[in-house]
Amino acid sequence: MDKTVRKFASLEAMKDAEYTEWQALSARARLNAAAELSVMQYQWKEPTRDVQSGLQRTLVRVQRASR
């Protein structure tokens, strides 16, 4: 993690720099960061649950009308 402090002239300039840094990461690093944020959010929401790291599959059952 880069711990450099930078000063920006505007919010737009900060967002542009953030986007550029994010795009410089590999796809794997971005996916890992998104999964880590997801796990952290679930741990904050329900601290008593055992949250497993990694992507989890979501199953959805859709009832189709009979023909």
Protein backbone atom coordinates (compact mmCIF):
# COMPACT_ATOMS: atom_id res chain seq x y z
CA MET A 1 0.00 0.00 0.00
CA ASP A 2 1.29 3.42 -0.98
CA LYS A 3 1.42 5.71 2.05
CA THR A 4 2.38 8.86 0.16
CA VAL A 5 0.45 12.00 1.07
CA ARG A 6 -0.60 14.07 -1.94
CA LYS A 7 -2.35 17.41 -2.21
CA PHE A 8 -4.88 17.97 -4.99
CA ALA A 9 -6.30 21.19 -6.33
CA SER A 10 -9.82 19.80 -6.63
CA LEU A 11 -11.98 16.76 -5.99
CA GLU A 12 -11.99 16.02 -9.72
CA ALA A 13 -8.18 15.93 -9.80
CA MET A 14 -8.17 13.54 -6.85
CA LYS A 15 -10.74 11.27 -8.50
CA ASP A 16 -8.75 11.28 -11.76
CA ALA A 17 -5.58 10.24 -9.92
CA GLU A 18 -7.48 7.55 -8.01
CA TYR A 19 -8.98 6.19 -11.24
CA THR A 20 -5.56 6.14 -12.92
CA GLU A 21 -4.04 4.22 -9.99
CA TRP A 22 -6.94 1.76 -9.96
CA GLN A 23 -6.60 1.11 -13.71
CA ALA A 24 -2.84 0.56 -13.31
CA LEU A 25 -3.54 -2.46 -11.08
CA SER A 26 -3.91 -5.87 -12.65
CA ALA A 27 -7.38 -7.36 -13.02
CA ARG A 28 -6.52 -9.92 -10.35
CA ALA A 29 -5.48 -7.21 -7.87
CA ARG A 30 -8.70 -5.25 -8.51
CA LEU A 31 -10.83 -8.37 -8.06
CA ASN A 32 -9.01 -9.24 -4.83
CA ALA A 33 -9.52 -5.69 -3.52
CA ALA A 34 -13.25 -5.82 -4.33
CA ALA A 35 -13.61 -9.22 -2.62
CA GLU A 36 -11.73 -7.93 0.45
CA LEU A 37 -14.02 -4.90 0.68
CA SER A 38 -17.06 -7.15 0.40
CA VAL A 39 -15.86 -9.42 3.22
CA MET A 40 -15.05 -6.40 5.41
CA GLN A 41 -18.54 -4.98 4.83
CA TYR A 42 -20.20 -8.26 5.85
CA GLN A 43 -17.97 -8.52 8.94
CA TRP A 44 -18.98 -4.99 10.01
CA LYS A 45 -22.65 -5.67 9.32
CA GLU A 46 -22.77 -9.01 11.14
CA PRO A 47 -19.66 -9.40 13.34
CA THR A 48 -20.90 -12.68 14.88
CA ARG A 49 -21.12 -14.51 11.54
CA ASP A 50 -18.17 -16.41 10.18
CA VAL A 51 -17.54 -14.70 6.85
CA GLN A 52 -15.41 -16.66 4.41
CA SER A 53 -13.05 -14.82 2.12
CA GLY A 54 -13.27 -15.25 -1.63
CA LEU A 55 -16.11 -14.92 -4.04
CA GLN A 56 -19.28 -16.75 -3.15
CA ARG A 57 -21.81 -17.95 -5.67
CA THR A 58 -25.30 -16.52 -5.39
CA LEU A 59 -28.04 -18.93 -6.37
CA VAL A 60 -31.31 -17.60 -7.71
CA ARG A 61 -34.29 -19.73 -8.62
CA VAL A 62 -36.61 -18.22 -11.19
CA GLN A 63 -40.05 -19.80 -11.60
CA ARG A 64 -40.99 -19.92 -15.25
CA ALA A 65 -44.56 -19.96 -16.42
CA SER A 66 -45.67 -23.30 -17.81
CA ARG A 67 -46.30 -23.51 -21.54
